[in-house]
Protein backbone atom coordinates (compact mmCIF):
# COMPACT_ATOMS: atom_id res chain seq x y z
CA MET A 1 91.49 170.41 75.38
CA ASP A 2 91.29 170.95 71.64
CA ILE A 3 91.08 168.27 68.99
CA ASP A 4 93.02 168.74 65.77
CA TRP A 5 90.29 167.52 63.42
CA GLY A 6 92.51 167.65 60.34
CA THR A 7 95.04 165.28 61.86
CA LEU A 8 92.31 163.00 63.19
CA THR A 9 90.69 162.86 59.74
CA GLY A 10 94.08 162.09 58.16
CA VAL A 11 94.74 159.23 60.58
CA PHE A 12 91.25 157.85 59.94
CA GLY A 13 91.72 158.07 56.17
CA VAL A 14 95.11 156.34 56.18
CA SER A 15 93.84 153.63 58.54
CA LEU A 16 90.80 152.99 56.36
CA GLY A 17 92.91 152.93 53.20
CA ILE A 18 95.46 150.49 54.61
CA THR A 19 92.66 148.26 55.91
CA VAL A 20 91.05 148.12 52.48
CA VAL A 21 94.40 147.38 50.83
CA VAL A 22 95.17 144.53 53.24
CA VAL A 23 91.72 142.97 52.79
CA VAL A 24 91.99 143.19 49.00
CA MET A 25 95.52 141.74 49.00
CA PHE A 26 94.44 138.85 51.24
CA SER A 27 91.42 138.18 49.02
CA LEU A 28 93.60 138.18 45.91
CA GLY A 29 95.98 135.80 47.68
CA LEU A 30 93.15 133.41 48.48
CA ALA A 31 91.89 133.57 44.90
CA ALA A 32 95.37 132.89 43.52
CA TRP A 33 95.87 130.06 46.03
CA ALA A 34 92.61 128.46 44.88
CA ARG A 35 93.55 128.97 41.22
CA ALA A 36 96.84 127.19 41.88
CA GLY A 37 94.86 124.12 42.91
CA TYR A 38 95.38 124.11 46.66
CA GLY A 39 92.38 123.21 48.77
CA GLU A 40 89.65 121.72 46.62
CA PRO A 41 90.85 121.65 43.03
CA ALA A 42 88.43 123.18 40.58
CA PRO A 43 87.64 121.17 37.47
CA GLY A 44 89.31 122.36 34.30
CA VAL A 45 92.10 124.33 36.00
CA PRO A 46 95.27 123.99 33.93
CA ARG A 47 98.39 122.70 35.66
CA GLY A 48 102.04 123.56 35.14
CA ARG A 49 103.26 127.06 34.41
CA ASP A 50 99.98 128.74 35.39
CA GLN A 51 100.00 126.88 38.69
CA LYS A 52 103.49 128.17 39.52
CA ALA A 53 102.51 131.75 38.65
CA ALA A 54 99.36 131.52 40.76
CA THR A 55 101.34 130.11 43.70
CA ALA A 56 103.91 132.90 43.41
CA THR A 57 101.14 135.50 43.29
CA ALA A 58 99.48 134.03 46.37
CA VAL A 59 102.75 134.00 48.30
CA MET A 60 103.47 137.63 47.34
CA CYS A 61 99.99 138.73 48.45
CA PHE A 62 100.26 136.92 51.77
CA ALA A 63 103.78 138.30 52.31
CA ALA A 64 102.51 141.84 51.70
CA CYS A 65 99.75 141.33 54.28
CA LEU A 66 102.25 139.94 56.76
CA ALA A 67 104.60 142.88 56.18
CA VAL A 68 101.83 145.42 56.83
CA ALA A 69 100.76 143.58 59.99
CA ALA A 70 104.36 143.35 61.24
CA TYR A 71 104.92 147.06 60.59
CA GLY A 72 101.73 147.92 62.49
CA ILE A 73 102.82 145.82 65.44
CA ASP A 74 106.26 147.46 65.32
CA LEU A 75 104.60 150.88 65.51
CA ILE A 76 102.41 149.88 68.46
CA VAL A 77 104.85 147.88 70.60
CA PRO A 78 107.52 150.07 72.17
CA GLY A 79 111.03 148.86 71.96
């Protein structure tokens, strides 16, 4: 039994890269969610237009994380 080390290294690299991207996107989503004023509101955070932009950014980041997770589950689960 031979191991194709090049393919194994490629799979490891892609998996590590996607993991880092998902963690960063989720962290950015949490930061945007907090900036929008959800949870404990920070003092001095402006309301209005900036709040809507921060909420939209948070939703986009969380949606991207959900899409990556759903695609991974689709790859794993046969059907």
